[in-house]
Amino acid sequence: MLGAIIRFVVSALVIMFIGFLLPGVQVANFTTALITALVIAALGWLAEALLGDRISPRSRGWVGFFTAAVVIYITGMLVPGFKVGVIGALLASFVIGLIDAIVPTEIR
């Protein structure tokens, strides 16, 4: 349980960093970032359950990259205070992939 909490806090910090770094992404506050992390995790789980493991961002392929971008874009429509455009979602997917390669947040 503590590992899941730490994962979401780290994910929220990454989302805050991306909101600061990228011009196409806006995050209102840390609470919004936490909610965004939860929604991204839920949508990512749903996409992986529906489409299979091939679309997982862990596969590091183009399909996983674009699926992550779509999940981020849809999250921008669902979470108040989290605004992202198409280019912002693509850039955020790329930056999150880079950060995840350096600091993995997956619970093992």
PDB file of N, CA and C in Angstrom:
ATOM      1  N   MET A   1       0.817  -1.198   0.000  1.00  0.00           N
ATOM      2  CA  MET A   1       0.000   0.000   0.000  1.00  0.00           C
ATOM      3  C   MET A   1       0.859   1.260   0.000  1.00  0.00           C
ATOM      4  N   LEU A   2       1.911   1.249   0.808  1.00  0.00           N
ATOM      5  CA  LEU A   2       2.795   2.406   0.864  1.00  0.00           C
ATOM      6  C   LEU A   2       3.500   2.611  -0.471  1.00  0.00           C
ATOM      7  N   GLY A   3       3.830   1.505  -1.132  1.00  0.00           N
ATOM      8  CA  GLY A   3       4.481   1.597  -2.445  1.00  0.00           C
ATOM      9  C   GLY A   3       3.592   2.273  -3.474  1.00  0.00           C
ATOM     10  N   ALA A   4       2.289   1.973  -3.432  1.00  0.00           N
ATOM     11  CA  ALA A   4       1.345   2.599  -4.374  1.00  0.00           C
ATOM     12  C   ALA A   4       1.221   4.087  -4.097  1.00  0.00           C
ATOM     13  N   ILE A   5       1.189   4.463  -2.834  1.00  0.00           N
ATOM     14  CA  ILE A   5       1.108   5.892  -2.478  1.00  0.00           C
ATOM     15  C   ILE A   5       2.344   6.625  -2.961  1.00  0.00           C
ATOM     16  N   ILE A   6       3.503   6.030  -2.734  1.00  0.00           N
ATOM     17  CA  ILE A   6       4.756   6.654  -3.184  1.00  0.00           C
ATOM     18  C   ILE A   6       4.759   6.783  -4.702  1.00  0.00           C
ATOM     19  N   ARG A   7       4.279   5.757  -5.387  1.00  0.00           N
ATOM     20  CA  ARG A   7       4.241   5.797  -6.857  1.00  0.00           C
ATOM     21  C   ARG A   7       3.386   6.960  -7.351  1.00  0.00           C
ATOM     22  N   PHE A   8       2.210   7.155  -6.748  1.00  0.00           N
ATOM     23  CA  PHE A   8       1.338   8.235  -7.198  1.00  0.00           C
ATOM     24  C   PHE A   8       1.900   9.610  -6.838  1.00  0.00           C
ATOM     25  N   VAL A   9       2.572   9.723  -5.712  1.00  0.00           N
ATOM     26  CA  VAL A   9       3.196  11.005  -5.354  1.00  0.00           C
ATOM     27  C   VAL A   9       4.322  11.326  -6.332  1.00  0.00           C
ATOM     28  N   VAL A  10       5.135  10.331  -6.658  1.00  0.00           N
ATOM     29  CA  VAL A  10       6.218  10.542  -7.636  1.00  0.00           C
ATOM     30  C   VAL A  10       5.627  10.878  -9.008  1.00  0.00           C
ATOM     31  N   SER A  11       4.578  10.174  -9.400  1.00  0.00           N
ATOM     32  CA  SER A  11       3.930  10.470 -10.683  1.00  0.00           C
ATOM     33  C   SER A  11       3.364  11.887 -10.696  1.00  0.00           C
ATOM     34  N   ALA A  12       2.773  12.315  -9.589  1.00  0.00           N
ATOM     35  CA  ALA A  12       2.240  13.676  -9.503  1.00  0.00           C
ATOM     36  C   ALA A  12       3.355  14.707  -9.602  1.00  0.00           C
ATOM     37  N   LEU A  13       4.493  14.427  -8.984  1.00  0.00           N
ATOM     38  CA  LEU A  13       5.637  15.344  -9.091  1.00  0.00           C
ATOM     39  C   LEU A  13       6.139  15.429 -10.528  1.00  0.00           C
ATOM     40  N   VAL A  14       6.165  14.296 -11.218  1.00  0.00           N
ATOM     41  CA  VAL A  14       6.566  14.277 -12.627  1.00  0.00           C
ATOM     42  C   VAL A  14       5.575  15.093 -13.460  1.00  0.00           C
ATOM     43  N   ILE A  15       4.282  14.953 -13.184  1.00  0.00           N
ATOM     44  CA  ILE A  15       3.264  15.722 -13.908  1.00  0.00           C
ATOM     45  C   ILE A  15       3.430  17.218 -13.637  1.00  0.00           C
ATOM     46  N   MET A  16       3.722  17.584 -12.390  1.00  0.00           N
ATOM     47  CA  MET A  16       3.972  19.002 -12.074  1.00  0.00           C
ATOM     48  C   MET A  16       5.196  19.513 -12.850  1.00  0.00           C
ATOM     49  N   PHE A  17       6.247  18.703 -12.903  1.00  0.00           N
ATOM     50  CA  PHE A  17       7.459  19.069 -13.629  1.00  0.00           C
ATOM     51  C   PHE A  17       7.161  19.261 -15.117  1.00  0.00           C
ATOM     52  N   ILE A  18       6.369  18.362 -15.674  1.00  0.00           N
ATOM     53  CA  ILE A  18       6.007  18.462 -17.087  1.00  0.00           C
ATOM     54  C   ILE A  18       5.172  19.711 -17.342  1.00  0.00           C
ATOM     55  N   GLY A  19       4.264  20.022 -16.425  1.00  0.00           N
ATOM     56  CA  GLY A  19       3.471  21.244 -16.550  1.00  0.00           C
ATOM     57  C   GLY A  19       4.338  22.489 -16.530  1.00  0.00           C
ATOM     58  N   PHE A  20       5.425  22.449 -15.765  1.00  0.00           N
ATOM     59  CA  PHE A  20       6.363  23.571 -15.716  1.00  0.00           C
ATOM     60  C   PHE A  20       7.242  23.611 -16.962  1.00  0.00           C
ATOM     61  N   LEU A  21       7.635  22.441 -17.453  1.00  0.00           N
ATOM     62  CA  LEU A  21       8.609  22.339 -18.541  1.00  0.00           C
ATOM     63  C   LEU A  21       8.010  22.553 -19.930  1.00  0.00           C
ATOM     64  N   LEU A  22       6.833  21.979 -20.178  1.00  0.00           N
ATOM     65  CA  LEU A  22       6.283  21.968 -21.537  1.00  0.00           C
ATOM     66  C   LEU A  22       5.244  23.065 -21.735  1.00  0.00           C
ATOM     67  N   PRO A  23       5.289  23.727 -22.885  1.00  0.00           N
ATOM     68  CA  PRO A  23       4.343  24.826 -23.126  1.00  0.00           C
ATOM     69  C   PRO A  23       2.903  24.374 -23.357  1.00  0.00           C
ATOM     70  N   GLY A  24       2.657  23.160 -23.772  1.00  0.00           N
ATOM     71  CA  GLY A  24       1.310  22.716 -24.087  1.00  0.00           C
ATOM     72  C   GLY A  24       0.604  22.002 -22.946  1.00  0.00           C
ATOM     73  N   VAL A  25       1.176  22.055 -21.738  1.00  0.00           N
ATOM     74  CA  VAL A  25       0.610  21.347 -20.587  1.00  0.00           C
ATOM     75  C   VAL A  25       0.490  22.320 -19.423  1.00  0.00           C
ATOM     76  N   GLN A  26      -0.701  22.360 -18.816  1.00  0.00           N
ATOM     77  CA  GLN A  26      -0.932  23.214 -17.645  1.00  0.00           C
ATOM     78  C   GLN A  26      -1.509  22.374 -16.520  1.00  0.00           C
ATOM     79  N   VAL A  27      -0.923  22.515 -15.341  1.00  0.00           N
ATOM     80  CA  VAL A  27      -1.397  21.813 -14.147  1.00  0.00           C
ATOM     81  C   VAL A  27      -1.672  22.870 -13.089  1.00  0.00           C
ATOM     82  N   ALA A  28      -2.899  22.898 -12.562  1.00  0.00           N
ATOM     83  CA  ALA A  28      -3.312  23.950 -11.624  1.00  0.00           C
ATOM     84  C   ALA A  28      -2.563  23.868 -10.301  1.00  0.00           C
ATOM     85  N   ASN A  29      -2.471  22.680  -9.706  1.00  0.00           N
ATOM     86  CA  ASN A  29      -1.819  22.538  -8.404  1.00  0.00           C
ATOM     87  C   ASN A  29      -1.474  21.069  -8.169  1.00  0.00           C
ATOM     88  N   PHE A  30      -0.915  20.794  -6.978  1.00  0.00           N
ATOM     89  CA  PHE A  30      -0.470  19.436  -6.695  1.00  0.00           C
ATOM     90  C   PHE A  30      -1.645  18.465  -6.572  1.00  0.00           C
ATOM     91  N   THR A  31      -2.760  18.923  -6.019  1.00  0.00           N
ATOM     92  CA  THR A  31      -3.937  18.061  -5.916  1.00  0.00           C
ATOM     93  C   THR A  31      -4.413  17.645  -7.306  1.00  0.00           C
ATOM     94  N   THR A  32      -4.419  18.597  -8.231  1.00  0.00           N
ATOM     95  CA  THR A  32      -4.777  18.283  -9.616  1.00  0.00           C
ATOM     96  C   THR A  32      -3.797  17.277 -10.202  1.00  0.00           C
ATOM     97  N   ALA A  33      -2.515  17.427  -9.899  1.00  0.00           N
ATOM     98  CA  ALA A  33      -1.509  16.489 -10.394  1.00  0.00           C
ATOM     99  C   ALA A  33      -1.745  15.084  -9.837  1.00  0.00           C
ATOM    100  N   LEU A  34      -2.127  14.977  -8.560  1.00  0.00           N
ATOM    101  CA  LEU A  34      -2.429  13.665  -7.970  1.00  0.00           C
ATOM    102  C   LEU A  34      -3.639  13.027  -8.641  1.00  0.00           C
ATOM    103  N   ILE A  35      -4.693  13.816  -8.845  1.00  0.00           N
ATOM    104  CA  ILE A  35      -5.886  13.298  -9.521  1.00  0.00           C
ATOM    105  C   ILE A  35      -5.537  12.889 -10.947  1.00  0.00           C
ATOM    106  N   THR A  36      -4.723  13.700 -11.615  1.00  0.00           N
ATOM    107  CA  THR A  36      -4.287  13.392 -12.975  1.00  0.00           C
ATOM    108  C   THR A  36      -3.523  12.069 -13.009  1.00  0.00           C
ATOM    109  N   ALA A  37      -2.631  11.864 -12.034  1.00  0.00           N
ATOM    110  CA  ALA A  37      -1.869  10.611 -11.974  1.00  0.00           C
ATOM    111  C   ALA A  37      -2.803   9.414 -11.795  1.00  0.00           C
ATOM    112  N   LEU A  38      -3.826   9.571 -10.954  1.00  0.00           N
ATOM    113  CA  LEU A  38      -4.785   8.484 -10.744  1.00  0.00           C
ATOM    114  C   LEU A  38      -5.580   8.186 -12.019  1.00  0.00           C
ATOM    115  N   VAL A  39      -6.026   9.240 -12.706  1.00  0.00           N
ATOM    116  CA  VAL A  39      -6.807   9.052 -13.927  1.00  0.00           C
ATOM    117  C   VAL A  39      -5.945   8.443 -15.034  1.00  0.00           C
ATOM    118  N   ILE A  40      -4.710   8.912 -15.170  1.00  0.00           N
ATOM    119  CA  ILE A  40      -3.805   8.340 -16.175  1.00  0.00           C
ATOM    120  C   ILE A  40      -3.566   6.858 -15.883  1.00  0.00           C
ATOM    121  N   ALA A  41      -3.376   6.516 -14.616  1.00  0.00           N
ATOM    122  CA  ALA A  41      -3.170   5.109 -14.252  1.00  0.00           C
ATOM    123  C   ALA A  41      -4.403   4.277 -14.585  1.00  0.00           C
ATOM    124  N   ALA A  42      -5.583   4.803 -14.273  1.00  0.00           N
ATOM    125  CA  ALA A  42      -6.823   4.058 -14.545  1.00  0.00           C
ATOM    126  C   ALA A  42      -7.051   3.898 -16.045  1.00  0.00           C
ATOM    127  N   LEU A  43      -6.873   4.972 -16.798  1.00  0.00           N
ATOM    128  CA  LEU A  43      -7.065   4.886 -18.250  1.00  0.00           C
ATOM    129  C   LEU A  43      -6.008   3.998 -18.898  1.00  0.00           C
ATOM    130  N   GLY A  44      -4.781   4.065 -18.406  1.00  0.00           N
ATOM    131  CA  GLY A  44      -3.727   3.197 -18.922  1.00  0.00           C
ATOM    132  C   GLY A  44      -4.025   1.742 -18.649  1.00  0.00           C
ATOM    133  N   TRP A  45      -4.538   1.447 -17.446  1.00  0.00           N
ATOM    134  CA  TRP A  45      -4.917   0.079 -17.119  1.00  0.00           C
ATOM    135  C   TRP A  45      -6.052  -0.391 -18.024  1.00  0.00           C
ATOM    136  N   LEU A  46      -7.032   0.477 -18.232  1.00  0.00           N
ATOM    137  CA  LEU A  46      -8.169   0.130 -19.084  1.00  0.00           C
ATOM    138  C   LEU A  46      -7.721  -0.122 -20.528  1.00  0.00           C
ATOM    139  N   ALA A  47      -6.863   0.757 -21.048  1.00  0.00           N
ATOM    140  CA  ALA A  47      -6.366   0.578 -22.417  1.00  0.00           C
ATOM    141  C   ALA A  47      -5.582  -0.717 -22.546  1.00  0.00           C
ATOM    142  N   GLU A  48      -4.769  -1.020 -21.543  1.00  0.00           N
ATOM    143  CA  GLU A  48      -3.982  -2.251 -21.584  1.00  0.00           C
ATOM    144  C   GLU A  48      -4.885  -3.482 -21.472  1.00  0.00           C
ATOM    145  N   ALA A  49      -5.941  -3.386 -20.660  1.00  0.00           N
ATOM    146  CA  ALA A  49      -6.872  -4.504 -20.516  1.00  0.00           C
ATOM    147  C   ALA A  49      -7.651  -4.744 -21.814  1.00  0.00           C
ATOM    148  N   LEU A  50      -8.023  -3.671 -22.488  1.00  0.00           N
ATOM    149  CA  LEU A  50      -8.804  -3.801 -23.717  1.00  0.00           C
ATOM    150  C   LEU A  50      -7.963  -4.176 -24.928  1.00  0.00           C
ATOM    151  N   LEU A  51      -6.764  -3.612 -25.018  1.00  0.00           N
ATOM    152  CA  LEU A  51      -5.960  -3.769 -26.225  1.00  0.00           C
ATOM    153  C   LEU A  51      -4.786  -4.733 -26.075  1.00  0.00           C
ATOM    154  N   GLY A  52      -4.508  -5.171 -24.879  1.00  0.00           N
ATOM    155  CA  GLY A  52      -3.435  -6.134 -24.668  1.00  0.00           C
ATOM    156  C   GLY A  52      -2.131  -5.480 -24.243  1.00  0.00           C
ATOM    157  N   ASP A  53      -1.160  -6.309 -23.931  1.00  0.00           N
ATOM    158  CA  ASP A  53       0.129  -5.830 -23.430  1.00  0.00           C
ATOM    159  C   ASP A  53       0.966  -5.101 -24.479  1.00  0.00           C
ATOM    160  N   ARG A  54       0.645  -5.260 -25.761  1.00  0.00           N
ATOM    161  CA  ARG A  54       1.427  -4.605 -26.824  1.00  0.00           C
ATOM    162  C   ARG A  54       1.412  -3.093 -26.696  1.00  0.00           C
ATOM    163  N   ILE A  55       0.339  -2.527 -26.145  1.00  0.00           N
ATOM    164  CA  ILE A  55       0.225  -1.072 -26.100  1.00  0.00           C
ATOM    165  C   ILE A  55       0.811  -0.485 -24.823  1.00  0.00           C
ATOM    166  N   SER A  56       1.328  -1.311 -23.960  1.00  0.00           N
ATOM    167  CA  SER A  56       1.884  -0.841 -22.704  1.00  0.00           C
ATOM    168  C   SER A  56       3.061   0.087 -22.965  1.00  0.00           C
ATOM    169  N   PRO A  57       3.129   1.223 -22.249  1.00  0.00           N
ATOM    170  CA  PRO A  57       4.288   2.104 -22.417  1.00  0.00           C
ATOM    171  C   PRO A  57       5.598   1.396 -22.086  1.00  0.00           C
ATOM    172  N   ARG A  58       5.523   0.319 -21.300  1.00  0.00           N
ATOM    173  CA  ARG A  58       6.742  -0.428 -20.965  1.00  0.00           C
ATOM    174  C   ARG A  58       7.337  -1.116 -22.178  1.00  0.00           C
ATOM    175  N   SER A  59       6.527  -1.305 -23.226  1.00  0.00           N
ATOM    176  CA  SER A  59       7.059  -1.961 -24.418  1.00  0.00           C
ATOM    177  C   SER A  59       7.985  -1.032 -25.191  1.00  0.00           C
ATOM    178  N   ARG A  60       7.923   0.260 -24.882  1.00  0.00           N
ATOM    179  CA  ARG A  60       8.815   1.277 -25.468  1.00  0.00           C
ATOM    180  C   ARG A  60       8.680   1.409 -26.984  1.00  0.00           C
ATOM    181  N   GLY A  61       7.607   0.930 -27.538  1.00  0.00           N
ATOM    182  CA  GLY A  61       7.404   1.038 -28.982  1.00  0.00           C
ATOM    183  C   GLY A  61       6.556   2.240 -29.333  1.00  0.00           C
ATOM    184  N   TRP A  62       6.375   2.430 -30.636  1.00  0.00           N
ATOM    185  CA  TRP A  62       5.567   3.551 -31.125  1.00  0.00           C
ATOM    186  C   TRP A  62       4.116   3.448 -30.666  1.00  0.00           C
ATOM    187  N   VAL A  63       3.605   2.234 -30.679  1.00  0.00           N
ATOM    188  CA  VAL A  63       2.204   2.048 -30.279  1.00  0.00           C
ATOM    189  C   VAL A  63       2.019   2.440 -28.818  1.00  0.00           C
ATOM    190  N   GLY A  64       2.932   2.040 -27.956  1.00  0.00           N
ATOM    191  CA  GLY A  64       2.869   2.424 -26.547  1.00  0.00           C
ATOM    192  C   GLY A  64       3.005   3.924 -26.357  1.00  0.00           C
ATOM    193  N   PHE A  65       3.879   4.542 -27.142  1.00  0.00           N
ATOM    194  CA  PHE A  65       4.077   5.988 -27.076  1.00  0.00           C
ATOM    195  C   PHE A  65       2.796   6.730 -27.453  1.00  0.00           C
ATOM    196  N   PHE A  66       2.199   6.344 -28.575  1.00  0.00           N
ATOM    197  CA  PHE A  66       0.979   7.031 -29.021  1.00  0.00           C
ATOM    198  C   PHE A  66      -0.212   6.722 -28.104  1.00  0.00           C
ATOM    199  N   THR A  67      -0.264   5.513 -27.579  1.00  0.00           N
ATOM    200  CA  THR A  67      -1.338   5.181 -26.638  1.00  0.00           C
ATOM    201  C   THR A  67      -1.212   6.028 -25.373  1.00  0.00           C
ATOM    202  N   ALA A  68      -0.003   6.186 -24.876  1.00  0.00           N
ATOM    203  CA  ALA A  68       0.214   7.026 -23.699  1.00  0.00           C
ATOM    204  C   ALA A  68      -0.190   8.474 -23.997  1.00  0.00           C
ATOM    205  N   ALA A  69       0.123   8.959 -25.200  1.00  0.00           N
ATOM    206  CA  ALA A  69      -0.260  10.315 -25.578  1.00  0.00           C
ATOM    207  C   ALA A  69      -1.777  10.475 -25.617  1.00  0.00           C
ATOM    208  N   VAL A  70      -2.470   9.471 -26.142  1.00  0.00           N
ATOM    209  CA  VAL A  70      -3.941   9.513 -26.191  1.00  0.00           C
ATOM    210  C   VAL A  70      -4.511   9.484 -24.772  1.00  0.00           C
ATOM    211  N   VAL A  71      -3.947   8.656 -23.906  1.00  0.00           N
ATOM    212  CA  VAL A  71      -4.404   8.593 -22.511  1.00  0.00           C
ATOM    213  C   VAL A  71      -4.213   9.948 -21.833  1.00  0.00           C
ATOM    214  N   ILE A  72      -3.082  10.592 -22.055  1.00  0.00           N
ATOM    215  CA  ILE A  72      -2.817  11.908 -21.467  1.00  0.00           C
ATOM    216  C   ILE A  72      -3.784  12.946 -22.022  1.00  0.00           C
ATOM    217  N   TYR A  73      -4.048  12.886 -23.324  1.00  0.00           N
ATOM    218  CA  TYR A  73      -4.977  13.827 -23.943  1.00  0.00           C
ATOM    219  C   TYR A  73      -6.395  13.662 -23.389  1.00  0.00           C
ATOM    220  N   ILE A  74      -6.849  12.428 -23.265  1.00  0.00           N
ATOM    221  CA  ILE A  74      -8.187  12.166 -22.715  1.00  0.00           C
ATOM    222  C   ILE A  74      -8.252  12.611 -21.254  1.00  0.00           C
ATOM    223  N   THR A  75      -7.174  12.397 -20.513  1.00  0.00           N
ATOM    224  CA  THR A  75      -7.129  12.844 -19.121  1.00  0.00           C
ATOM    225  C   THR A  75      -7.308  14.355 -19.036  1.00  0.00           C
ATOM    226  N   GLY A  76      -6.743  15.079 -20.000  1.00  0.00           N
ATOM    227  CA  GLY A  76      -6.919  16.528 -20.032  1.00  0.00           C
ATOM    228  C   GLY A  76      -8.367  16.938 -20.197  1.00  0.00           C
ATOM    229  N   MET A  77      -9.167  16.094 -20.834  1.00  0.00           N
ATOM    230  CA  MET A  77     -10.597  16.381 -20.997  1.00  0.00           C
ATOM    231  C   MET A  77     -11.389  16.021 -19.740  1.00  0.00           C
ATOM    232  N   LEU A  78     -10.869  15.113 -18.933  1.00  0.00           N
ATOM    233  CA  LEU A  78     -11.605  14.610 -17.772  1.00  0.00           C
ATOM    234  C   LEU A  78     -11.283  15.327 -16.466  1.00  0.00           C
ATOM    235  N   VAL A  79     -10.065  15.796 -16.310  1.00  0.00           N
ATOM    236  CA  VAL A  79      -9.631  16.363 -15.030  1.00  0.00           C
ATOM    237  C   VAL A  79      -9.632  17.893 -15.109  1.00  0.00           C
ATOM    238  N   PRO A  80     -10.481  18.537 -14.297  1.00  0.00           N
ATOM    239  CA  PRO A  80     -10.453  20.003 -14.260  1.00  0.00           C
ATOM    240  C   PRO A  80      -9.114  20.484 -13.682  1.00  0.00           C
ATOM    241  N   GLY A  81      -8.546  21.483 -14.290  1.00  0.00           N
ATOM    242  CA  GLY A  81      -7.263  22.011 -13.836  1.00  0.00           C
ATOM    243  C   GLY A  81      -6.069  21.406 -14.544  1.00  0.00           C
ATOM    244  N   PHE A  82      -6.290  20.384 -15.361  1.00  0.00           N
ATOM    245  CA  PHE A  82      -5.223  19.786 -16.157  1.00  0.00           C
ATOM    246  C   PHE A  82      -5.569  20.013 -17.618  1.00  0.00           C
ATOM    247  N   LYS A  83      -4.832  20.880 -18.254  1.00  0.00           N
ATOM    248  CA  LYS A  83      -5.073  21.227 -19.645  1.00  0.00           C
ATOM    249  C   LYS A  83      -3.901  20.757 -20.498  1.00  0.00           C
ATOM    250  N   VAL A  84      -4.230  20.090 -21.598  1.00  0.00           N
ATOM    251  CA  VAL A  84      -3.189  19.603 -22.495  1.00  0.00           C
ATOM    252  C   VAL A  84      -3.746  19.556 -23.913  1.00  0.00           C
ATOM    253  N   GLY A  85      -2.929  19.986 -24.871  1.00  0.00           N
ATOM    254  CA  GLY A  85      -3.292  19.898 -26.272  1.00  0.00           C
ATOM    255  C   GLY A  85      -2.680  18.650 -26.887  1.00  0.00           C
ATOM    256  N   VAL A  86      -2.893  18.473 -28.171  1.00  0.00           N
ATOM    257  CA  VAL A  86      -2.378  17.288 -28.855  1.00  0.00           C
ATOM    258  C   VAL A  86      -0.850  17.264 -28.819  1.00  0.00           C
ATOM    259  N   ILE A  87      -0.235  18.379 -29.183  1.00  0.00           N
ATOM    260  CA  ILE A  87       1.233  18.442 -29.170  1.00  0.00           C
ATOM    261  C   ILE A  87       1.757  18.290 -27.743  1.00  0.00           C
ATOM    262  N   GLY A  88       1.071  18.916 -26.793  1.00  0.00           N
ATOM    263  CA  GLY A  88       1.459  18.788 -25.392  1.00  0.00           C
ATOM    264  C   GLY A  88       1.382  17.349 -24.911  1.00  0.00           C
ATOM    265  N   ALA A  89       0.351  16.626 -25.341  1.00  0.00           N
ATOM    266  CA  ALA A  89       0.209  15.216 -24.958  1.00  0.00           C
ATOM    267  C   ALA A  89       1.332  14.376 -25.552  1.00  0.00           C
ATOM    268  N   LEU A  90       1.684  14.651 -26.807  1.00  0.00           N
ATOM    269  CA  LEU A  90       2.790  13.918 -27.436  1.00  0.00           C
ATOM    270  C   LEU A  90       4.110  14.210 -26.724  1.00  0.00           C
ATOM    271  N   LEU A  91       4.354  15.486 -26.433  1.00  0.00           N
ATOM    272  CA  LEU A  91       5.584  15.857 -25.727  1.00  0.00           C
ATOM    273  C   LEU A  91       5.603  15.284 -24.316  1.00  0.00           C
ATOM    274  N   ALA A  92       4.458  15.334 -23.631  1.00  0.00           N
ATOM    275  CA  ALA A  92       4.379  14.784 -22.277  1.00  0.00           C
ATOM    276  C   ALA A  92       4.627  13.285 -22.284  1.00  0.00           C
ATOM    277  N   SER A  93       4.084  12.582 -23.262  1.00  0.00           N
ATOM    278  CA  SER A  93       4.308  11.146 -23.379  1.00  0.00           C
ATOM    279  C   SER A  93       5.795  10.847 -23.563  1.00  0.00           C
ATOM    280  N   PHE A  94       6.450  11.654 -24.376  1.00  0.00           N
ATOM    281  CA  PHE A  94       7.885  11.482 -24.614  1.00  0.00           C
ATOM    282  C   PHE A  94       8.684  11.730 -23.340  1.00  0.00           C
ATOM    283  N   VAL A  95       8.392  12.845 -22.656  1.00  0.00           N
ATOM    284  CA  VAL A  95       9.145  13.197 -21.450  1.00  0.00           C
ATOM    285  C   VAL A  95       8.884  12.185 -20.338  1.00  0.00           C
ATOM    286  N   ILE A  96       7.636  11.760 -20.171  1.00  0.00           N
ATOM    287  CA  ILE A  96       7.331  10.749 -19.155  1.00  0.00           C
ATOM    288  C   ILE A  96       8.066   9.443 -19.467  1.00  0.00           C
ATOM    289  N   GLY A  97       8.132   9.073 -20.744  1.00  0.00           N
ATOM    290  CA  GLY A  97       8.886   7.881 -21.139  1.00  0.00           C
ATOM    291  C   GLY A  97      10.359   7.998 -20.791  1.00  0.00           C
ATOM    292  N   LEU A  98      10.935   9.176 -21.026  1.00  0.00           N
ATOM    293  CA  LEU A  98      12.341   9.389 -20.672  1.00  0.00           C
ATOM    294  C   LEU A  98      12.555   9.312 -19.167  1.00  0.00           C
ATOM    295  N   ILE A  99      11.693   9.984 -18.420  1.00  0.00           N
ATOM    296  CA  ILE A  99      11.825   9.973 -16.961  1.00  0.00           C
ATOM    297  C   ILE A  99      11.617   8.564 -16.419  1.00  0.00           C
ATOM    298  N   ASP A 100      10.652   7.838 -16.978  1.00  0.00           N
ATOM    299  CA  ASP A 100      10.391   6.477 -16.520  1.00  0.00           C
ATOM    300  C   ASP A 100      11.567   5.545 -16.824  1.00  0.00           C
ATOM    301  N   ALA A 101      12.283   5.814 -17.900  1.00  0.00           N
ATOM    302  CA  ALA A 101      13.454   5.001 -18.229  1.00  0.00           C
ATOM    303  C   ALA A 101      14.585   5.235 -17.206  1.00  0.00           C
ATOM    304  N   ILE A 102      14.641   6.454 -16.678  1.00  0.00           N
ATOM    305  CA  ILE A 102      15.696   6.799 -15.708  1.00  0.00           C
ATOM    306  C   ILE A 102      15.266   6.435 -14.288  1.00  0.00           C
ATOM    307  N   VAL A 103      14.024   6.818 -13.930  1.00  0.00           N
ATOM    308  CA  VAL A 103      13.495   6.589 -12.577  1.00  0.00           C
ATOM    309  C   VAL A 103      12.190   5.807 -12.720  1.00  0.00           C
ATOM    310  N   PRO A 104      12.262   4.495 -12.810  1.00  0.00           N
ATOM    311  CA  PRO A 104      11.027   3.714 -12.979  1.00  0.00           C
ATOM    312  C   PRO A 104      10.118   3.851 -11.758  1.00  0.00           C
ATOM    313  N   THR A 105       8.811   4.057 -12.027  1.00  0.00           N
ATOM    314  CA  THR A 105       7.862   4.207 -10.935  1.00  0.00           C
ATOM    315  C   THR A 105       6.961   2.993 -10.816  1.00  0.00           C
ATOM    316  N   GLU A 106       7.236   1.947 -11.563  1.00  0.00           N
ATOM    317  CA  GLU A 106       6.417   0.734 -11.505  1.00  0.00           C
ATOM    318  C   GLU A 106       6.721  -0.038 -10.237  1.00  0.00           C
ATOM    319  N   ILE A 107       5.671  -0.515  -9.591  1.00  0.00           N
ATOM    320  CA  ILE A 107       5.836  -1.317  -8.382  1.00  0.00           C
ATOM    321  C   ILE A 107       6.185  -2.735  -8.800  1.00  0.00           C
ATOM    322  N   ARG A 108       7.255  -3.252  -8.287  1.00  0.00           N
ATOM    323  CA  ARG A 108       7.687  -4.604  -8.654  1.00  0.00           C
ATOM    324  C   ARG A 108       7.418  -5.555  -7.518  1.00  0.00           C
TER     325      ARG A 108
END
